[in-house]
């Protein structure tokens, strides 16, 4: 790969620490970036993503789609040549487990009792 095809990316975590900078091919997808972030995530953090869907990448104020490439996510004005692009990482653990637990509670029939006394 030629050097001009590489883009230097740094990922800013929720507590202000960074992963990177790391050089990525312009053809790399956002999904590939997320997998790399998960593999390099510091294990001492309180919140740790388990799958790529737990991670959202934000660049230029936009949430990046998994199918987009790094080249498509670059800011139109681009940063300085040879500069590092910082992307923000937001972790939202999947709610599937929480929703399934809530459904179980919702599925139990609620019995309402009303007693009236007329004298």
C-alpha atoms as a PDB file:
ATOM      1  CA  UNK A   1       0.000   0.000   0.000  1.00  0.00           C
ATOM      2  CA  UNK A   2       1.349   3.438  -0.801  1.00  0.00           C
ATOM      3  CA  UNK A   3       1.693   5.867   2.104  1.00  0.00           C
ATOM      4  CA  UNK A   4      -0.897   8.239   0.621  1.00  0.00           C
ATOM      5  CA  UNK A   5      -3.485   5.451   0.868  1.00  0.00           C
ATOM      6  CA  UNK A   6      -3.023   5.315   4.657  1.00  0.00           C
ATOM      7  CA  UNK A   7      -5.060   7.497   6.981  1.00  0.00           C
ATOM      8  CA  UNK A   8      -3.877   8.081  10.557  1.00  0.00           C
ATOM      9  CA  UNK A   9      -6.780   7.676  12.984  1.00  0.00           C
ATOM     10  CA  UNK A  10      -6.965   8.174  16.723  1.00  0.00           C
ATOM     11  CA  UNK A  11      -9.971   7.070  18.771  1.00  0.00           C
ATOM     12  CA  UNK A  12     -10.976   9.179  21.786  1.00  0.00           C
ATOM     13  CA  UNK A  13     -12.690   7.151  24.509  1.00  0.00           C
ATOM     14  CA  UNK A  14     -15.358   8.382  26.935  1.00  0.00           C
ATOM     15  CA  UNK A  15     -12.830   9.214  29.665  1.00  0.00           C
ATOM     16  CA  UNK A  16     -10.515  11.224  27.395  1.00  0.00           C
ATOM     17  CA  UNK A  17      -7.922   8.500  26.799  1.00  0.00           C
ATOM     18  CA  UNK A  18      -6.968   7.513  23.273  1.00  0.00           C
ATOM     19  CA  UNK A  19      -6.408   4.393  21.204  1.00  0.00           C
ATOM     20  CA  UNK A  20      -3.887   5.063  18.466  1.00  0.00           C
ATOM     21  CA  UNK A  21      -2.909   6.781  16.300  1.00  0.00           C
ATOM     22  CA  UNK A  22      -2.961   3.862  13.890  1.00  0.00           C
ATOM     23  CA  UNK A  23      -2.630   3.909  10.101  1.00  0.00           C
ATOM     24  CA  UNK A  24      -5.607   2.467   8.220  1.00  0.00           C
ATOM     25  CA  UNK A  25      -6.206   1.919   4.526  1.00  0.00           C
ATOM     26  CA  UNK A  26      -8.710   4.326   2.952  1.00  0.00           C
ATOM     27  CA  UNK A  27     -10.669   1.246   1.864  1.00  0.00           C
ATOM     28  CA  UNK A  28     -11.159   0.014   5.463  1.00  0.00           C
ATOM     29  CA  UNK A  29     -14.783   0.026   6.560  1.00  0.00           C
ATOM     30  CA  UNK A  30     -16.159   1.483   9.776  1.00  0.00           C
ATOM     31  CA  UNK A  31     -17.081  -2.071  10.854  1.00  0.00           C
ATOM     32  CA  UNK A  32     -13.397  -3.054  10.541  1.00  0.00           C
ATOM     33  CA  UNK A  33     -12.408  -0.044  12.670  1.00  0.00           C
ATOM     34  CA  UNK A  34     -14.890  -1.069  15.358  1.00  0.00           C
ATOM     35  CA  UNK A  35     -13.480  -4.610  15.483  1.00  0.00           C
ATOM     36  CA  UNK A  36      -9.974  -3.189  15.895  1.00  0.00           C
ATOM     37  CA  UNK A  37     -11.159  -0.847  18.658  1.00  0.00           C
ATOM     38  CA  UNK A  38     -12.714  -3.769  20.549  1.00  0.00           C
ATOM     39  CA  UNK A  39      -9.518  -5.822  20.242  1.00  0.00           C
ATOM     40  CA  UNK A  40      -7.385  -2.931  21.540  1.00  0.00           C
ATOM     41  CA  UNK A  41      -9.820  -1.681  24.190  1.00  0.00           C
ATOM     42  CA  UNK A  42      -8.106  -1.209  27.584  1.00  0.00           C
ATOM     43  CA  UNK A  43      -9.409  -3.972  29.869  1.00  0.00           C
ATOM     44  CA  UNK A  44      -9.128  -1.799  32.996  1.00  0.00           C
ATOM     45  CA  UNK A  45     -12.008   0.443  31.848  1.00  0.00           C
ATOM     46  CA  UNK A  46     -15.343   0.295  33.635  1.00  0.00           C
ATOM     47  CA  UNK A  47     -17.304   0.022  30.386  1.00  0.00           C
ATOM     48  CA  UNK A  48     -16.026  -2.551  27.876  1.00  0.00           C
ATOM     49  CA  UNK A  49     -17.776  -3.170  24.537  1.00  0.00           C
ATOM     50  CA  UNK A  50     -18.325  -6.833  23.701  1.00  0.00           C
ATOM     51  CA  UNK A  51     -19.416  -6.631  20.042  1.00  0.00           C
ATOM     52  CA  UNK A  52     -19.084  -4.077  17.241  1.00  0.00           C
ATOM     53  CA  UNK A  53     -22.738  -3.051  17.585  1.00  0.00           C
ATOM     54  CA  UNK A  54     -21.965  -1.787  21.107  1.00  0.00           C
ATOM     55  CA  UNK A  55     -19.643   0.848  19.580  1.00  0.00           C
ATOM     56  CA  UNK A  56     -20.588   4.022  17.728  1.00  0.00           C
ATOM     57  CA  UNK A  57     -17.948   6.130  15.981  1.00  0.00           C
ATOM     58  CA  UNK A  58     -18.480   9.862  15.615  1.00  0.00           C
ATOM     59  CA  UNK A  59     -16.482  12.029  13.234  1.00  0.00           C
ATOM     60  CA  UNK A  60     -17.318  15.588  12.292  1.00  0.00           C
ATOM     61  CA  UNK A  61     -20.473  15.430  14.408  1.00  0.00           C
ATOM     62  CA  UNK A  62     -21.896  12.464  12.481  1.00  0.00           C
ATOM     63  CA  UNK A  63     -22.394   8.868  13.564  1.00  0.00           C
ATOM     64  CA  UNK A  64     -20.563   6.733  11.017  1.00  0.00           C
ATOM     65  CA  UNK A  65     -22.327   3.839   9.296  1.00  0.00           C
ATOM     66  CA  UNK A  66     -20.686   0.386   9.350  1.00  0.00           C
ATOM     67  CA  UNK A  67     -20.709   0.107   5.551  1.00  0.00           C
ATOM     68  CA  UNK A  68     -18.866   3.387   4.900  1.00  0.00           C
ATOM     69  CA  UNK A  69     -15.141   3.389   4.155  1.00  0.00           C
ATOM     70  CA  UNK A  70     -12.537   5.563   5.841  1.00  0.00           C
ATOM     71  CA  UNK A  71     -12.214   7.566   2.615  1.00  0.00           C
ATOM     72  CA  UNK A  72     -15.960   8.321   2.665  1.00  0.00           C
ATOM     73  CA  UNK A  73     -15.806   9.421   6.308  1.00  0.00           C
ATOM     74  CA  UNK A  74     -13.009  11.943   5.853  1.00  0.00           C
ATOM     75  CA  UNK A  75     -13.976  15.541   6.478  1.00  0.00           C
ATOM     76  CA  UNK A  76     -14.430  17.405   3.170  1.00  0.00           C
ATOM     77  CA  UNK A  77     -11.826  20.003   4.110  1.00  0.00           C
ATOM     78  CA  UNK A  78      -9.535  17.238   5.407  1.00  0.00           C
ATOM     79  CA  UNK A  79      -7.007  17.911   8.093  1.00  0.00           C
ATOM     80  CA  UNK A  80      -3.406  18.849   7.484  1.00  0.00           C
ATOM     81  CA  UNK A  81      -1.497  16.479   5.204  1.00  0.00           C
ATOM     82  CA  UNK A  82      -0.023  13.782   7.396  1.00  0.00           C
ATOM     83  CA  UNK A  83      -2.335  14.897  10.215  1.00  0.00           C
ATOM     84  CA  UNK A  84      -4.236  12.591  12.519  1.00  0.00           C
ATOM     85  CA  UNK A  85      -8.030  12.392  12.384  1.00  0.00           C
ATOM     86  CA  UNK A  86      -9.664  11.960  15.787  1.00  0.00           C
ATOM     87  CA  UNK A  87     -12.881   9.963  16.009  1.00  0.00           C
ATOM     88  CA  UNK A  88     -14.947   9.813  19.169  1.00  0.00           C
ATOM     89  CA  UNK A  89     -16.031   6.427  20.511  1.00  0.00           C
ATOM     90  CA  UNK A  90     -19.376   5.992  22.257  1.00  0.00           C
ATOM     91  CA  UNK A  91     -20.184   2.682  23.926  1.00  0.00           C
ATOM     92  CA  UNK A  92     -23.826   1.643  24.179  1.00  0.00           C
ATOM     93  CA  UNK A  93     -24.025  -1.944  25.422  1.00  0.00           C
ATOM     94  CA  UNK A  94     -26.759  -3.851  23.647  1.00  0.00           C
ATOM     95  CA  UNK A  95     -30.110  -3.742  25.358  1.00  0.00           C
ATOM     96  CA  UNK A  96     -31.246  -7.170  24.147  1.00  0.00           C
ATOM     97  CA  UNK A  97     -30.730  -8.763  27.546  1.00  0.00           C
ATOM     98  CA  UNK A  98     -32.418  -5.912  29.391  1.00  0.00           C
ATOM     99  CA  UNK A  99     -35.345  -5.934  26.959  1.00  0.00           C
ATOM    100  CA  UNK A 100     -35.808  -9.700  27.255  1.00  0.00           C
ATOM    101  CA  UNK A 101     -35.897  -9.412  31.048  1.00  0.00           C
ATOM    102  CA  UNK A 102     -38.429  -6.606  30.778  1.00  0.00           C
ATOM    103  CA  UNK A 103     -40.594  -8.669  28.400  1.00  0.00           C
ATOM    104  CA  UNK A 104     -40.713 -11.506  30.908  1.00  0.00           C
ATOM    105  CA  UNK A 105     -41.996  -9.079  33.529  1.00  0.00           C
ATOM    106  CA  UNK A 106     -44.532  -7.624  31.082  1.00  0.00           C
ATOM    107  CA  UNK A 107     -45.815 -11.053  30.037  1.00  0.00           C
ATOM    108  CA  UNK A 108     -46.859 -12.081  33.526  1.00  0.00           C
ATOM    109  CA  UNK A 109     -50.564 -11.357  33.842  1.00  0.00           C
ATOM    110  CA  UNK A 110     -51.402  -8.714  36.350  1.00  0.00           C
ATOM    111  CA  UNK A 111     -54.387  -9.485  38.498  1.00  0.00           C
ATOM    112  CA  UNK A 112     -56.389  -6.537  39.629  1.00  0.00           C
ATOM    113  CA  UNK A 113     -58.747  -7.061  42.475  1.00  0.00           C
ATOM    114  CA  UNK A 114     -61.582  -4.760  43.237  1.00  0.00           C
ATOM    115  CA  UNK A 115     -63.823  -5.305  46.174  1.00  0.00           C
ATOM    116  CA  UNK A 116     -66.982  -3.377  46.712  1.00  0.00           C
ATOM    117  CA  UNK A 117     -69.149  -3.534  49.763  1.00  0.00           C
ATOM    118  CA  UNK A 118     -72.710  -2.223  49.770  1.00  0.00           C
ATOM    119  CA  UNK A 119     -74.481  -2.086  53.079  1.00  0.00           C
END
